[in-house]
Amino acid sequence: MQLKITHTTEHTYDKPIRFGLQHLRMTPKSRDGQRVLDWSITITGGQAEAEFEDQHNNHVTLVGFPVGAEQITIVGAGTVEVEDRAGVVGMHGGFAPLWYFDRITPLTKAGPEVRRLAREVGGTGDLNCLHALSAKISEIVTYTIGETGVETTAEDALKAGVGVCQDHAHVFISAARLMGRPARYVSGYLLMDDRIEQQATHAWAEAYVDGIGWIGFDPSNGISPDSRYVRIATGLDFKEAAPLSGVTYGDANETLSTALTVQQ
């Protein structure tokens, strides 16, 4: 399936800023099962300072916001061809070794609730156990917008029993690592059945299974990713795979607006 994507972010400030620098991860990955046919990044009000591949093979663009800027618009757009591989991404690649994905981060640190979840699912993290874990998370963490934020941990989301795709992914990653499986966070785009225009990007998780490789799990939708899913970036958690992250210097207040369209 070929998907056409346009992702616009607009930064507006109530007074001129001193300087800003953003890490942009908005260019999808080309690898088995996913091929970027064309892609461009357009920046208005700022400029690209450098581009590189990080330890996860994410394509990163450093965007500088100049002194005195009050509005910066960034548009990522292009066409991506995706195969339905039932969530199977394949063998490990990138500069980060496989053991790196056993690491605990503040967002994925397991507490009593995550440990209880891992015990209830049981097993040692084989494929059936991982599918059961995804289904259990979908059951006990109700998809609810506005109750959690970017600093919400896996443990907090489980305690609250509510969250969004980011929280589902963090809970899955935290529990999968307890079950002996390397796991990582994925940010990306999703073709939805009922709309073209969307409010935000999507997120899910991947776990590594010996003999198969990385496999995707999306607890928010109760499936493994298919040809409607486009992978942008991967990381230990949201902070390593966020489409946009960075710093701004000055005392201006920022308003960030996002417009996203995904269509066949």
Protein backbone atom coordinates (compact mmCIF):
# COMPACT_ATOMS: atom_id res chain seq x y z
CA MET A 1 0.00 0.00 0.00
CA GLN A 2 1.23 3.50 -0.81
CA LEU A 3 0.48 6.19 1.75
CA LYS A 4 0.69 9.94 1.21
CA ILE A 5 1.56 11.91 4.33
CA THR A 6 1.76 15.61 5.20
CA HIS A 7 2.86 16.52 8.73
CA THR A 8 2.95 20.21 9.68
CA THR A 9 4.10 21.69 12.99
CA GLU A 10 3.93 25.40 13.70
CA HIS A 11 5.77 27.09 16.58
CA THR A 12 4.42 30.51 17.53
CA TYR A 13 5.90 32.74 20.27
CA ASP A 14 4.32 35.72 22.02
CA LYS A 15 7.63 37.62 21.82
CA PRO A 16 10.89 37.20 19.88
CA ILE A 17 13.06 34.34 21.11
CA ARG A 18 16.84 34.39 21.66
CA PHE A 19 17.54 31.07 19.96
CA GLY A 20 16.14 27.55 19.56
CA LEU A 21 17.37 24.15 18.41
CA GLN A 22 15.10 21.21 17.59
CA HIS A 23 15.83 17.55 16.87
CA LEU A 24 13.49 16.61 14.04
CA ARG A 25 12.63 12.93 13.51
CA MET A 26 10.00 13.24 10.80
CA THR A 27 11.60 11.25 7.98
CA PRO A 28 10.30 7.65 7.79
CA LYS A 29 12.73 4.74 7.69
CA SER A 30 13.42 2.71 4.58
CA ARG A 31 13.98 -0.95 5.44
CA ASP A 32 12.39 -4.37 4.87
CA GLY A 33 8.64 -3.93 4.47
CA GLN A 34 8.76 -0.13 4.16
CA ARG A 35 10.15 1.96 1.31
CA VAL A 36 10.22 5.77 1.21
CA LEU A 37 9.37 6.73 -2.38
CA ASP A 38 9.81 10.47 -1.81
CA TRP A 39 10.12 12.71 1.22
CA SER A 40 10.97 16.34 1.90
CA ILE A 41 11.31 18.63 4.91
CA THR A 42 10.38 22.29 4.39
CA ILE A 43 11.31 24.85 7.04
CA THR A 44 9.93 28.41 7.11
CA GLY A 45 11.37 30.87 9.62
CA GLY A 46 14.29 28.62 10.61
CA GLN A 47 16.94 26.53 8.91
CA ALA A 48 18.40 23.04 8.85
CA GLU A 49 21.78 23.08 10.60
CA ALA A 50 22.80 19.42 10.14
CA GLU A 51 21.47 15.95 9.32
CA PHE A 52 22.63 12.57 10.62
CA GLU A 53 21.61 9.00 11.47
CA ASP A 54 21.44 8.36 15.22
CA GLN A 55 22.16 5.11 17.09
CA HIS A 56 18.73 3.74 16.08
CA ASN A 57 19.14 4.52 12.37
CA ASN A 58 16.66 7.37 12.82
CA HIS A 59 17.15 10.19 10.35
CA VAL A 60 17.60 13.34 12.46
CA THR A 61 17.50 16.92 11.19
CA LEU A 62 18.80 19.66 13.51
CA VAL A 63 16.70 22.79 12.99
CA GLY A 64 17.92 26.15 14.25
CA PHE A 65 15.50 28.91 15.26
CA PRO A 66 17.23 32.27 14.71
CA VAL A 67 17.46 35.20 17.12
CA GLY A 68 14.23 37.19 17.05
CA ALA A 69 12.09 34.43 15.55
CA GLU A 70 8.38 34.55 16.38
CA GLN A 71 7.01 31.81 14.12
CA ILE A 72 8.59 28.68 12.62
CA THR A 73 6.73 26.21 10.41
CA ILE A 74 8.07 22.74 9.60
CA VAL A 75 6.42 20.47 7.02
CA GLY A 76 7.38 16.84 6.39
CA ALA A 77 5.66 15.38 3.33
CA GLY A 78 5.99 12.45 0.98
CA THR A 79 4.92 8.98 -0.10
CA VAL A 80 5.77 5.69 1.59
CA GLU A 81 5.11 2.15 0.37
CA VAL A 82 4.34 -0.34 3.13
CA GLU A 83 3.87 -4.14 3.08
CA ASP A 84 1.66 -6.07 5.48
CA ARG A 85 4.16 -8.26 7.34
CA ALA A 86 1.91 -8.98 10.35
CA GLY A 87 4.09 -6.77 12.52
CA VAL A 88 7.37 -8.53 11.70
CA VAL A 89 10.10 -5.95 11.13
CA GLY A 90 13.01 -8.39 10.93
CA MET A 91 16.52 -8.79 12.27
CA HIS A 92 18.21 -6.13 14.37
CA GLY A 93 20.04 -3.24 12.72
CA GLY A 94 21.41 0.13 13.76
CA PHE A 95 24.41 1.11 15.85
CA ALA A 96 22.83 0.34 19.23
CA PRO A 97 23.44 -3.31 20.25
CA LEU A 98 20.51 -5.54 21.09
CA TRP A 99 21.29 -5.56 24.81
CA TYR A 100 20.79 -1.78 24.82
CA PHE A 101 17.04 -2.40 24.62
CA ASP A 102 17.05 -4.12 28.01
CA ARG A 103 17.89 -0.77 29.62
CA ILE A 104 15.50 0.82 32.09
CA THR A 105 14.55 4.46 31.58
CA PRO A 106 12.58 6.76 33.91
CA LEU A 107 9.49 6.40 31.68
CA THR A 108 9.69 2.59 31.55
CA LYS A 109 10.92 1.73 35.04
CA ALA A 110 8.88 -1.17 36.40
CA GLY A 111 7.09 -0.71 39.72
CA PRO A 112 4.66 -2.98 41.59
CA GLU A 113 1.88 -2.56 38.98
CA VAL A 114 4.09 -3.44 36.01
CA ARG A 115 5.55 -6.40 37.90
CA ARG A 116 2.07 -7.64 38.70
CA LEU A 117 1.09 -7.35 35.05
CA ALA A 118 4.13 -9.35 33.93
CA ARG A 119 3.35 -12.09 36.47
CA GLU A 120 -0.30 -12.28 35.38
CA VAL A 121 0.67 -12.73 31.74
CA GLY A 122 3.35 -15.25 32.72
CA GLY A 123 5.79 -17.03 30.49
CA THR A 124 9.22 -15.95 29.36
CA GLY A 125 8.26 -13.52 26.66
CA ASP A 126 7.66 -15.86 23.74
CA LEU A 127 5.41 -14.76 20.88
CA ASN A 128 2.16 -15.96 22.44
CA CYS A 129 3.00 -14.26 25.74
CA LEU A 130 3.75 -10.99 23.99
CA HIS A 131 0.41 -11.05 22.17
CA ALA A 132 -1.27 -11.81 25.50
CA LEU A 133 0.56 -8.88 27.09
CA SER A 134 -0.63 -6.50 24.37
CA ALA A 135 -4.23 -7.69 24.74
CA LYS A 136 -4.08 -7.34 28.54
CA ILE A 137 -2.79 -3.77 28.33
CA SER A 138 -5.61 -2.87 25.95
CA GLU A 139 -8.06 -4.30 28.48
CA ILE A 140 -6.80 -2.64 31.66
CA VAL A 141 -5.53 0.75 30.35
CA THR A 142 -8.50 2.48 28.73
CA TYR A 143 -7.61 4.74 25.81
CA THR A 144 -8.42 8.21 27.16
CA ILE A 145 -7.17 11.54 25.83
CA GLY A 146 -6.14 14.32 28.22
CA GLU A 147 -5.46 12.28 31.37
CA THR A 148 -1.75 11.68 30.82
CA GLY A 149 1.22 13.63 29.42
CA VAL A 150 4.69 13.20 27.97
CA GLU A 151 6.17 12.66 31.47
CA THR A 152 3.67 9.96 32.50
CA THR A 153 5.48 6.73 33.34
CA ALA A 154 4.38 3.19 32.58
CA GLU A 155 3.74 2.63 36.27
CA ASP A 156 1.61 5.79 36.56
CA ALA A 157 -0.50 4.81 33.53
CA LEU A 158 -1.18 1.38 34.98
CA LYS A 159 -2.15 2.85 38.34
CA ALA A 160 -4.52 5.31 36.66
CA GLY A 161 -5.95 2.72 34.28
CA VAL A 162 -6.10 5.29 31.48
CA GLY A 163 -3.75 6.57 28.81
CA VAL A 164 -3.03 7.05 25.14
CA CYS A 165 -0.84 5.19 22.64
CA GLN A 166 2.35 6.53 24.22
CA ASP A 167 1.33 5.09 27.60
CA HIS A 168 0.31 1.75 26.09
CA ALA A 169 3.71 1.49 24.43
CA HIS A 170 5.60 2.33 27.63
CA VAL A 171 3.65 -0.25 29.65
CA PHE A 172 4.30 -2.92 27.01
CA ILE A 173 8.03 -2.09 26.87
CA SER A 174 8.41 -2.13 30.65
CA ALA A 175 6.65 -5.49 31.07
CA ALA A 176 8.32 -7.11 28.04
CA ARG A 177 11.77 -6.29 29.43
CA LEU A 178 10.77 -7.93 32.72
CA MET A 179 9.76 -10.99 30.69
CA GLY A 180 13.23 -11.20 29.22
CA ARG A 181 12.66 -9.54 25.85
CA PRO A 182 14.46 -6.48 24.44
CA ALA A 183 11.78 -3.91 23.65
CA ARG A 184 11.61 -0.47 22.07
CA TYR A 185 9.28 2.44 21.37
CA VAL A 186 8.12 3.31 17.84
CA SER A 187 6.74 6.64 16.66
CA GLY A 188 4.95 6.73 13.34
CA TYR A 189 1.95 7.44 11.19
CA LEU A 190 -1.27 5.42 10.93
CA LEU A 191 -3.82 5.38 8.14
CA MET A 192 -7.19 5.59 9.90
CA ASP A 193 -10.40 4.12 8.55
CA ASP A 194 -12.68 7.06 9.26
CA ARG A 195 -10.58 10.18 8.60
CA ILE A 196 -7.68 11.65 6.69
CA GLU A 197 -6.95 14.60 8.98
CA GLN A 198 -5.49 13.72 12.40
CA GLN A 199 -4.40 15.56 15.52
CA ALA A 200 -1.19 13.66 16.30
CA THR A 201 1.22 10.95 15.27
CA HIS A 202 0.81 7.39 16.52
CA ALA A 203 3.00 5.19 18.73
CA TRP A 204 3.40 1.49 19.44
CA ALA A 205 6.05 -0.96 20.69
CA GLU A 206 8.32 -3.63 19.30
CA ALA A 207 9.86 -6.65 21.05
CA TYR A 208 12.69 -8.85 19.84
CA VAL A 209 11.99 -12.58 19.50
CA ASP A 210 14.84 -14.97 18.70
CA GLY A 211 14.62 -16.44 15.22
CA ILE A 212 12.08 -13.85 14.05
CA GLY A 213 13.52 -10.47 14.97
CA TRP A 214 11.66 -7.31 15.91
CA ILE A 215 7.85 -7.62 16.02
CA GLY A 216 5.42 -4.74 16.46
CA PHE A 217 2.53 -4.65 18.93
CA ASP A 218 -0.10 -1.90 19.10
CA PRO A 219 -2.14 -2.31 22.31
CA SER A 220 -4.15 0.83 21.47
CA ASN A 221 -5.73 -0.92 18.48
CA GLY A 222 -5.33 -4.53 19.58
CA ILE A 223 -3.29 -5.62 16.55
CA SER A 224 0.22 -5.97 15.20
CA PRO A 225 1.06 -3.21 12.68
CA ASP A 226 0.06 -3.86 9.08
CA SER A 227 0.35 -1.89 5.82
CA ARG A 228 -1.45 1.11 7.38
CA TYR A 229 1.50 1.80 9.71
CA VAL A 230 4.53 3.91 8.79
CA ARG A 231 7.57 3.74 11.09
CA ILE A 232 9.34 7.07 11.66
CA ALA A 233 11.70 6.54 14.58
CA THR A 234 12.55 4.03 17.31
CA GLY A 235 14.13 4.37 20.76
CA LEU A 236 14.18 3.14 24.33
CA ASP A 237 11.12 5.28 25.04
CA PHE A 238 9.21 8.33 23.78
CA LYS A 239 12.10 10.71 24.42
CA GLU A 240 14.44 8.87 22.03
CA ALA A 241 11.84 8.55 19.27
CA ALA A 242 9.78 11.75 19.53
CA PRO A 243 9.16 13.37 16.11
CA LEU A 244 10.15 16.73 17.62
CA SER A 245 12.24 17.61 20.68
CA GLY A 246 14.59 20.39 21.64
CA VAL A 247 15.13 23.62 23.54
CA THR A 248 14.24 27.30 23.14
CA TYR A 249 16.10 30.14 24.87
CA GLY A 250 14.30 33.23 26.13
CA ASP A 251 11.22 34.03 28.21
CA ALA A 252 8.65 33.79 25.40
CA ASN A 253 5.61 31.54 25.71
CA GLU A 254 5.26 28.98 22.94
CA THR A 255 2.14 27.71 21.17
CA LEU A 256 2.64 24.51 19.17
CA SER A 257 0.03 23.44 16.63
CA THR A 258 0.05 20.25 14.56
CA ALA A 259 -1.73 19.30 11.35
CA LEU A 260 -1.41 15.77 9.95
CA THR A 261 -2.98 14.03 6.97
CA VAL A 262 -2.49 10.37 6.06
CA GLN A 263 -4.24 8.94 3.01
CA GLN A 264 -3.90 6.10 0.53
